[in-house]
N, C-alpha and C. Protein backbone atom coordinates (compact mmCIF):
# COMPACT_ATOMS: atom_id res chain seq x y z
N MET A 1 94.16 120.71 61.35
CA MET A 1 95.66 120.88 61.97
C MET A 1 96.63 119.93 60.95
N LYS A 2 97.50 120.34 60.30
CA LYS A 2 98.31 119.91 59.22
C LYS A 2 99.12 118.77 60.03
N GLU A 3 99.61 117.62 59.07
CA GLU A 3 100.05 117.02 59.23
C GLU A 3 101.71 117.24 60.23
N GLY A 4 102.17 118.13 59.32
CA GLY A 4 103.48 118.67 59.88
C GLY A 4 103.54 119.15 61.18
N GLN A 5 102.45 119.69 61.57
CA GLN A 5 102.39 120.31 62.79
C GLN A 5 101.99 119.52 63.88
N VAL A 6 101.57 118.30 63.57
CA VAL A 6 101.04 116.96 64.57
C VAL A 6 102.39 116.43 65.06
N LEU A 7 103.31 116.40 64.06
CA LEU A 7 104.43 115.54 64.02
C LEU A 7 105.60 116.91 65.09
N LEU A 8 105.55 118.06 64.51
CA LEU A 8 106.36 119.13 65.63
C LEU A 8 105.75 118.98 66.80
N ASP A 9 104.41 119.23 67.12
CA ASP A 9 104.00 118.75 68.57
C ASP A 9 104.42 117.91 69.19
N ARG A 10 104.29 116.62 68.60
CA ARG A 10 104.94 115.35 68.99
C ARG A 10 106.45 115.58 69.42
N VAL A 11 107.13 116.01 68.73
CA VAL A 11 108.44 116.34 68.89
C VAL A 11 108.85 117.29 70.30
N ARG A 12 107.87 118.18 69.95
CA ARG A 12 108.04 118.99 71.26
C ARG A 12 107.62 118.35 72.69
N ASP A 13 106.26 117.74 72.41
CA ASP A 13 106.01 116.96 73.74
C ASP A 13 107.10 116.01 74.43
N ARG A 14 107.76 115.18 73.08
CA ARG A 14 108.90 114.31 73.67
C ARG A 14 109.98 114.90 74.15
N ALA A 15 110.39 116.07 73.68
CA ALA A 15 111.52 116.85 74.25
C ALA A 15 111.25 117.27 75.60
N ARG A 16 110.08 117.53 75.68
CA ARG A 16 109.31 118.09 77.22
C ARG A 16 109.56 117.09 77.98
N LEU A 17 109.06 115.81 77.72
CA LEU A 17 108.93 114.84 78.86
C LEU A 17 110.28 114.26 78.89
N GLN A 18 111.27 114.28 78.17
CA GLN A 18 112.54 113.74 78.18
C GLN A 18 113.45 115.01 79.27
N ALA A 19 112.88 116.20 79.24
CA ALA A 19 113.78 117.33 80.20
C ALA A 19 113.12 117.13 81.51
N GLN A 20 111.85 116.73 81.66
CA GLN A 20 111.18 116.36 83.16
C GLN A 20 111.80 115.15 83.54
N LYS A 21 111.98 113.84 82.83
CA LYS A 21 112.62 112.81 83.04
C LYS A 21 113.94 113.00 83.54
N GLN A 22 114.61 114.13 82.85
CA GLN A 22 116.27 114.03 83.39
C GLN A 22 116.17 114.88 84.70
N GLY A 23 115.17 116.13 84.47
CA GLY A 23 114.87 116.44 86.01
C GLY A 23 114.63 115.48 87.32
N LEU A 24 113.97 114.88 87.06
CA LEU A 24 113.45 113.96 88.21
C LEU A 24 114.79 112.69 88.44
N GLU A 25 115.33 112.27 87.65
CA GLU A 25 116.43 111.45 87.57
C GLU A 25 117.49 112.60 88.72
N ILE A 26 118.06 113.41 88.41
CA ILE A 26 118.66 114.64 89.19
C ILE A 26 118.41 114.75 90.71
N GLN A 27 116.97 114.95 90.66
CA GLN A 27 116.28 115.00 92.19
C GLN A 27 116.40 113.83 92.81
N ILE A 28 116.34 112.47 92.17
CA ILE A 28 116.41 111.17 92.72
C ILE A 28 117.93 110.83 93.11
N ASP A 29 119.00 111.26 92.43
CA ASP A 29 120.38 111.10 92.47
C ASP A 29 120.59 111.97 93.96
N ARG A 30 119.94 113.15 93.92
CA ARG A 30 120.38 114.25 94.90
C ARG A 30 119.92 113.47 96.28
N LEU A 31 118.68 112.84 96.30
CA LEU A 31 118.04 112.23 97.71
C LEU A 31 118.89 110.95 98.03
N LYS A 32 119.58 110.19 97.05
CA LYS A 32 120.76 109.18 97.57
C LYS A 32 121.49 109.59 98.44
N PRO A 33 121.62 108.72 99.71
CA PRO A 33 122.85 109.42 100.59
C PRO A 33 124.21 108.71 100.02
N PRO A 34 125.05 109.42 100.41
CA PRO A 34 126.19 109.06 99.75
C PRO A 34 126.90 107.61 100.22
N VAL A 35 127.27 107.00 99.52
CA VAL A 35 128.21 105.72 100.06
C VAL A 35 129.67 105.81 100.21
N ALA A 36 129.77 105.75 101.39
CA ALA A 36 131.35 105.74 101.38
C ALA A 36 131.81 104.20 102.55
N ASP A 37 133.32 103.92 102.18
CA ASP A 37 133.66 103.16 102.83
C ASP A 37 133.55 103.40 104.57
N PRO A 38 133.54 102.31 105.31
CA PRO A 38 133.73 102.81 106.83
C PRO A 38 135.31 103.07 106.98
N PRO A 39 135.41 103.95 108.03
CA PRO A 39 136.49 104.12 108.49
C PRO A 39 137.53 102.96 108.48
N PRO A 40 139.05 102.96 108.32
CA PRO A 40 139.41 101.42 108.69
C PRO A 40 139.43 101.12 109.95
N SER A 41 139.10 102.03 111.27
CA SER A 41 138.85 101.54 112.42
C SER A 41 137.84 100.38 112.50
N GLN A 42 136.44 100.57 111.52
CA GLN A 42 135.62 99.86 111.60
C GLN A 42 135.66 98.94 110.74
N GLN A 43 136.55 98.62 109.73
CA GLN A 43 136.75 97.68 108.82
C GLN A 43 137.06 96.33 109.64
N ILE A 44 136.36 95.34 109.15
CA ILE A 44 136.55 94.10 109.92
C ILE A 44 137.47 92.99 108.53
N PRO A 45 138.56 92.30 109.04
CA PRO A 45 138.93 91.53 107.98
C PRO A 45 137.93 90.60 107.35
N GLU A 46 138.12 90.21 106.36
CA GLU A 46 136.83 89.34 105.76
C GLU A 46 137.41 87.72 106.61
N PHE A 47 138.49 87.17 107.02
CA PHE A 47 138.12 86.23 107.36
C PHE A 47 138.98 85.87 109.10
N ASN A 48 138.78 85.50 110.06
CA ASN A 48 139.49 85.11 110.91
C ASN A 48 140.57 84.30 111.04
N ASP A 49 141.05 84.14 112.01
CA ASP A 49 142.53 83.37 112.25
C ASP A 49 142.39 81.94 111.82
N TYR A 50 141.03 81.43 111.95
CA TYR A 50 140.76 80.11 111.70
C TYR A 50 140.44 79.65 110.40
N GLY A 51 140.07 80.88 109.59
CA GLY A 51 139.81 81.07 107.98
C GLY A 51 138.30 81.00 107.99
N CYS A 52 137.54 81.37 109.22
CA CYS A 52 136.03 81.61 109.07
C CYS A 52 135.69 83.10 108.82
N ARG A 53 134.73 83.04 108.07
CA ARG A 53 134.36 84.29 107.72
C ARG A 53 133.94 85.42 108.71
N ASN A 54 134.18 86.57 108.76
CA ASN A 54 134.06 87.27 110.05
C ASN A 54 132.70 88.25 109.70
N PHE A 55 132.00 88.79 110.18
CA PHE A 55 130.96 89.80 109.97
C PHE A 55 130.73 91.08 110.86
N ASN A 56 129.94 91.72 110.48
CA ASN A 56 129.62 93.01 111.32
C ASN A 56 128.00 92.63 111.90
N ASN A 57 128.07 92.19 113.13
CA ASN A 57 126.57 92.02 113.78
C ASN A 57 125.92 93.24 113.40
N GLU A 58 126.23 94.24 113.66
CA GLU A 58 125.35 95.45 113.23
C GLU A 58 124.30 95.35 111.76
N ILE A 59 125.55 95.19 111.08
CA ILE A 59 124.54 95.08 109.62
C ILE A 59 124.15 94.02 109.46
N GLU A 60 124.25 92.84 109.97
CA GLU A 60 123.86 91.55 110.04
C GLU A 60 122.57 91.60 110.46
N GLU A 61 122.16 92.34 111.62
CA GLU A 61 120.77 92.57 112.19
C GLU A 61 120.33 93.56 111.28
N GLU A 62 120.57 94.52 110.77
CA GLU A 62 119.91 95.61 109.64
C GLU A 62 119.36 94.85 108.53
N ALA A 63 120.09 93.97 108.14
CA ALA A 63 119.79 92.73 106.96
C ALA A 63 118.90 92.23 107.34
N ASN A 64 118.91 91.40 108.46
CA ASN A 64 117.58 90.84 108.87
C ASN A 64 116.29 91.39 109.21
N TRP A 65 116.28 92.79 109.57
CA TRP A 65 115.15 93.74 109.42
C TRP A 65 114.80 94.28 108.08
N LEU A 66 115.48 94.78 107.40
CA LEU A 66 115.48 95.25 106.18
C LEU A 66 115.10 94.04 104.78
N GLY A 67 115.54 93.06 105.15
CA GLY A 67 115.06 92.24 103.90
C GLY A 67 113.62 92.04 103.77
N PRO A 68 113.21 91.47 104.85
CA PRO A 68 111.42 91.15 105.12
C PRO A 68 110.63 92.64 104.80
N ALA A 69 111.29 93.48 105.15
CA ALA A 69 110.61 94.99 104.30
C ALA A 69 110.50 95.46 103.54
N LEU A 70 111.68 94.67 102.72
CA LEU A 70 111.50 95.36 101.14
C LEU A 70 110.92 94.28 100.46
N LEU A 71 110.85 93.16 100.89
CA LEU A 71 109.80 92.00 100.32
C LEU A 71 108.36 92.39 100.44
N VAL A 72 107.84 92.57 101.62
CA VAL A 72 106.57 92.71 102.08
C VAL A 72 106.47 94.27 102.82
N SER A 73 106.18 95.17 101.71
CA SER A 73 105.92 96.63 102.55
C SER A 73 104.98 96.58 103.61
N GLU A 74 104.79 97.62 104.28
CA GLU A 74 103.99 97.89 105.47
C GLU A 74 102.34 98.29 104.42
N GLU A 75 102.37 98.53 103.33
CA GLU A 75 101.14 98.74 102.59
C GLU A 75 100.76 97.39 102.16
N ALA A 76 101.80 96.44 101.57
CA ALA A 76 101.42 95.20 101.21
C ALA A 76 100.89 93.99 102.76
N ALA A 77 101.09 94.51 103.50
CA ALA A 77 100.75 93.77 104.99
C ALA A 77 99.28 93.88 105.11
N MET A 78 98.67 95.25 105.04
CA MET A 78 97.80 95.70 105.33
C MET A 78 96.66 95.25 104.24
N TYR A 79 97.59 94.94 102.90
CA TYR A 79 96.60 94.59 101.66
C TYR A 79 96.22 93.19 102.12
N ILE A 80 97.40 92.62 102.64
CA ILE A 80 97.17 91.00 103.02
C ILE A 80 96.08 90.82 103.95
N VAL A 81 96.14 91.53 105.07
CA VAL A 81 95.11 91.28 105.97
C VAL A 81 93.55 92.13 105.50
N LYS A 82 93.54 93.15 104.82
CA LYS A 82 92.18 93.38 104.61
C LYS A 82 91.55 92.84 103.09
N GLN A 83 92.50 91.88 102.40
CA GLN A 83 92.25 90.94 101.50
C GLN A 83 91.57 89.30 102.04
N ARG A 84 92.04 89.58 103.44
CA ARG A 84 91.99 87.92 104.24
C ARG A 84 92.39 87.14 103.46
N MET A 85 93.73 87.33 103.03
CA MET A 85 94.72 86.46 102.25
C MET A 85 95.37 85.99 103.27
N ASN A 86 95.20 84.16 103.05
CA ASN A 86 96.15 83.55 103.79
C ASN A 86 97.57 83.39 103.63
N GLU A 87 98.20 83.02 104.46
CA GLU A 87 99.77 83.18 104.76
C GLU A 87 100.58 82.58 103.21
N SER A 88 99.88 81.13 103.07
CA SER A 88 100.62 80.71 102.29
C SER A 88 100.30 81.33 100.73
N THR A 89 99.26 82.12 100.50
CA THR A 89 98.89 82.62 99.31
C THR A 89 99.73 83.91 99.13
N ALA A 90 99.82 84.65 100.71
CA ALA A 90 100.70 85.65 100.41
C ALA A 90 102.11 85.46 99.86
N ALA A 91 102.29 84.57 100.79
CA ALA A 91 103.96 84.27 100.33
C ALA A 91 104.03 83.84 98.97
N GLN A 92 103.24 83.30 98.50
CA GLN A 92 103.38 82.84 96.67
C GLN A 92 103.32 84.23 96.17
N TRP A 93 102.40 84.96 96.19
CA TRP A 93 102.11 86.30 95.67
C TRP A 93 103.44 87.39 95.82
N TYR A 94 103.80 87.43 97.07
CA TYR A 94 104.96 88.40 97.23
C TYR A 94 106.32 87.67 96.93
N GLY A 95 106.60 86.29 96.75
CA GLY A 95 107.77 85.67 96.56
C GLY A 95 108.47 85.57 97.51
N CYS A 96 108.06 85.46 98.75
CA CYS A 96 108.86 84.79 100.05
C CYS A 96 108.33 83.74 100.72
N THR A 97 108.96 83.59 102.13
CA THR A 97 108.02 82.60 102.72
C THR A 97 106.97 82.98 103.60
N THR A 98 106.48 81.80 104.33
CA THR A 98 105.31 82.07 105.08
C THR A 98 105.58 82.80 106.58
N SER A 99 106.99 82.61 106.75
CA SER A 99 107.45 83.09 108.22
C SER A 99 107.72 84.46 107.82
N VAL A 100 108.32 84.98 106.79
CA VAL A 100 108.49 86.55 106.44
C VAL A 100 107.22 86.90 106.51
N ILE A 101 105.95 86.23 105.86
CA ILE A 101 104.86 87.17 105.73
C ILE A 101 104.51 87.22 107.18
N ARG A 102 104.21 86.02 108.02
CA ARG A 102 103.83 86.56 109.41
C ARG A 102 104.80 87.18 110.19
N PHE A 103 105.94 87.58 109.84
CA PHE A 103 106.79 88.62 110.78
C PHE A 103 106.44 89.71 110.12
N ARG A 104 106.47 90.02 108.77
CA ARG A 104 105.84 91.19 108.82
C ARG A 104 104.33 91.87 108.95
N LEU A 105 103.44 91.19 109.00
CA LEU A 105 102.12 91.20 109.64
C LEU A 105 102.40 91.61 111.09
N ASN A 106 103.04 90.78 111.80
CA ASN A 106 103.03 91.24 113.35
C ASN A 106 104.10 92.61 113.34
N MET A 107 105.20 92.80 112.72
CA MET A 107 105.71 94.12 113.01
C MET A 107 105.20 95.04 112.36
N THR A 108 104.39 95.17 111.79
CA THR A 108 103.72 96.21 111.39
C THR A 108 102.13 96.62 111.78
N GLY A 109 101.66 95.58 112.75
CA GLY A 109 100.50 95.92 113.65
C GLY A 109 99.34 95.44 112.35
N ALA A 110 99.59 94.88 111.35
CA ALA A 110 98.66 95.01 110.41
C ALA A 110 97.28 94.49 110.72
N PHE A 111 97.01 93.53 111.62
CA PHE A 111 96.03 92.79 112.28
C PHE A 111 95.26 93.68 112.98
N LYS A 112 95.66 94.56 113.92
CA LYS A 112 95.22 95.62 115.07
C LYS A 112 94.79 96.40 113.97
N ARG A 113 95.68 97.06 113.29
CA ARG A 113 95.19 98.44 112.39
C ARG A 113 94.26 97.98 111.43
N ALA A 114 93.78 97.02 111.14
CA ALA A 114 92.81 96.51 109.96
C ALA A 114 91.68 96.72 110.78
N ARG A 115 91.55 96.19 111.92
CA ARG A 115 90.33 96.50 112.92
C ARG A 115 89.89 97.54 113.07
N HIS A 116 90.51 98.68 112.99
CA HIS A 116 90.07 99.94 113.70
C HIS A 116 89.49 100.82 112.29
């Protein structure tokens, strides 16, 4: 095979991979839910009459659930149990607190699932 042919093949491969990447990025963008501002009736003023910050309790509860789930996935919880990793080691490994590890191990049922 000639040197020019090798370079041409590489250029074609790069173009093909670039097209695949763009196609995947488009597919990912289609999967993302549209982000819209809540209707004015659901918007909460940033501060109340006393100067304290208001918050949406529903959003706060979702954040309390979602945060640990993003830090320690279900698969990670199963891995921790299967590897017999202690909570402090797992917390260091996943960059969170031992209480987050414990919460995720309990919520995913990792101990019970690992026994079966």
